């Protein structure tokens, strides 16, 4: 959870969001897909309604190239709803280790281009 929190703090700083007036709804803390009771909560409807009401999505990735986020069906559904159905802006926030990997990979790619 520490990596998630830090990625969101860093995102807020980059976007110059005021911590006192910025609120987050974190889907995995709210919609527990493993314990839904079909009549008690429709997670698909809850997710879509909340995202539409909020109007913005921040996708937090653990790494840039093989992010766990994109290996789960539910999170792919989240992106489908946000991008395709609701046509919302989706921002990416990458955890610190993932940002470091991205920087190294980018530098390696730049070095390849210089050698060519």
Protein backbone atom coordinates (compact mmCIF):
# COMPACT_ATOMS: atom_id res chain seq x y z
CA UNK A 1 0.00 0.00 0.00
CA UNK A 2 2.95 2.33 0.64
CA UNK A 3 3.84 2.36 -3.07
CA UNK A 4 0.24 3.19 -4.01
CA UNK A 5 0.06 6.06 -1.54
CA UNK A 6 3.41 7.49 -2.64
CA UNK A 7 2.44 7.27 -6.33
CA UNK A 8 -0.76 9.20 -5.56
CA UNK A 9 1.10 11.80 -3.48
CA UNK A 10 3.61 12.28 -6.31
CA UNK A 11 0.75 12.50 -8.83
CA UNK A 12 -0.97 15.15 -6.71
CA UNK A 13 2.22 17.21 -6.53
CA UNK A 14 2.78 16.98 -10.31
CA UNK A 15 -0.81 18.04 -10.97
CA UNK A 16 -0.58 20.73 -8.25
CA UNK A 17 -3.61 19.34 -6.42
CA UNK A 18 -4.41 20.75 -3.00
CA UNK A 19 -4.23 17.93 -0.43
CA UNK A 20 -6.84 19.64 1.76
CA UNK A 21 -9.47 19.72 -1.01
CA UNK A 22 -8.58 16.62 -3.08
CA UNK A 23 -10.42 13.42 -2.29
CA UNK A 24 -9.87 9.93 -3.67
CA UNK A 25 -12.20 7.01 -4.18
CA UNK A 26 -10.08 3.88 -4.47
CA UNK A 27 -12.02 1.11 -6.17
CA UNK A 28 -10.23 -1.85 -4.57
CA UNK A 29 -10.93 -0.48 -1.08
CA UNK A 30 -14.63 -0.16 -1.92
CA UNK A 31 -15.58 -2.90 -4.38
CA UNK A 32 -14.42 -6.23 -3.00
CA UNK A 33 -15.05 -8.52 -5.98
CA UNK A 34 -14.39 -11.65 -3.93
CA UNK A 35 -17.18 -11.17 -1.38
CA UNK A 36 -19.96 -9.52 -3.36
CA UNK A 37 -23.40 -10.75 -2.56
CA UNK A 38 -25.36 -10.55 -5.82
CA UNK A 39 -28.44 -8.94 -4.30
CA UNK A 40 -26.57 -6.70 -1.86
CA UNK A 41 -24.28 -4.90 -4.31
CA UNK A 42 -23.83 -4.78 -8.06
CA UNK A 43 -20.14 -3.92 -8.35
CA UNK A 44 -20.33 -3.12 -12.05
CA UNK A 45 -23.06 -0.53 -11.49
CA UNK A 46 -21.39 0.85 -8.35
CA UNK A 47 -18.09 1.28 -10.17
CA UNK A 48 -19.59 2.93 -13.28
CA UNK A 49 -21.78 5.27 -11.23
CA UNK A 50 -18.91 6.38 -8.99
CA UNK A 51 -16.50 6.92 -11.86
CA UNK A 52 -19.09 8.89 -13.82
CA UNK A 53 -19.86 11.04 -10.77
CA UNK A 54 -16.16 11.69 -10.10
CA UNK A 55 -15.36 12.32 -13.77
CA UNK A 56 -11.70 11.36 -13.66
CA UNK A 57 -9.55 8.24 -13.28
CA UNK A 58 -5.97 7.83 -12.12
CA UNK A 59 -4.54 4.43 -13.00
CA UNK A 60 -1.69 3.50 -10.63
CA UNK A 61 0.84 1.09 -12.11
CA UNK A 62 3.47 -0.86 -10.22
CA UNK A 63 5.75 -1.04 -13.27
CA UNK A 64 5.57 0.37 -16.77
CA UNK A 65 6.13 -2.72 -18.92
CA UNK A 66 4.37 -5.62 -17.15
CA UNK A 67 2.01 -3.82 -14.81
CA UNK A 68 -0.08 -6.06 -12.61
CA UNK A 69 -2.97 -3.67 -13.23
CA UNK A 70 -3.28 -4.84 -16.85
CA UNK A 71 -3.14 -8.53 -15.95
CA UNK A 72 -6.54 -8.54 -14.21
CA UNK A 73 -9.90 -8.68 -15.98
CA UNK A 74 -11.58 -6.26 -13.58
CA UNK A 75 -9.00 -3.52 -14.11
CA UNK A 76 -9.26 -3.92 -17.88
CA UNK A 77 -12.99 -3.47 -17.42
CA UNK A 78 -12.29 -0.31 -15.39
CA UNK A 79 -10.33 1.14 -18.29
CA UNK A 80 -13.03 0.12 -20.77
CA UNK A 81 -15.73 1.87 -18.73
CA UNK A 82 -13.64 4.99 -18.12
CA UNK A 83 -12.22 5.41 -21.63
CA UNK A 84 -14.79 3.91 -23.99
CA UNK A 85 -18.14 4.03 -22.22
CA UNK A 86 -17.79 7.26 -20.22
CA UNK A 87 -15.08 8.89 -22.40
CA UNK A 88 -13.21 10.19 -19.36
CA UNK A 89 -9.65 11.39 -19.10
CA UNK A 90 -7.41 8.74 -17.56
CA UNK A 91 -4.09 9.72 -16.01
CA UNK A 92 -1.27 7.31 -15.19
CA UNK A 93 0.72 7.29 -11.99
CA UNK A 94 3.63 4.87 -11.75
CA UNK A 95 5.04 3.69 -8.44
CA UNK A 96 8.59 4.78 -7.66
CA UNK A 97 10.30 1.49 -8.63
CA UNK A 98 8.38 1.46 -11.91
CA UNK A 99 9.40 5.05 -12.64
CA UNK A 100 13.05 4.11 -12.09
CA UNK A 101 12.68 1.13 -14.46
CA UNK A 102 11.08 3.39 -17.06
CA UNK A 103 13.92 5.89 -16.80
CA UNK A 104 16.56 3.16 -17.22
CA UNK A 105 14.67 1.61 -20.14
CA UNK A 106 14.33 5.02 -21.77
CA UNK A 107 18.04 5.72 -21.35
CA UNK A 108 18.90 2.31 -22.84
CA UNK A 109 16.60 3.05 -25.77
CA UNK A 110 18.23 6.48 -26.26
CA UNK A 111 21.68 4.87 -26.16
CA UNK A 112 20.55 2.38 -28.83
CA UNK A 113 19.45 5.23 -31.05
CA UNK A 114 22.75 7.07 -30.62
CA UNK A 115 24.75 3.95 -31.54
CA UNK A 116 22.67 3.37 -34.69
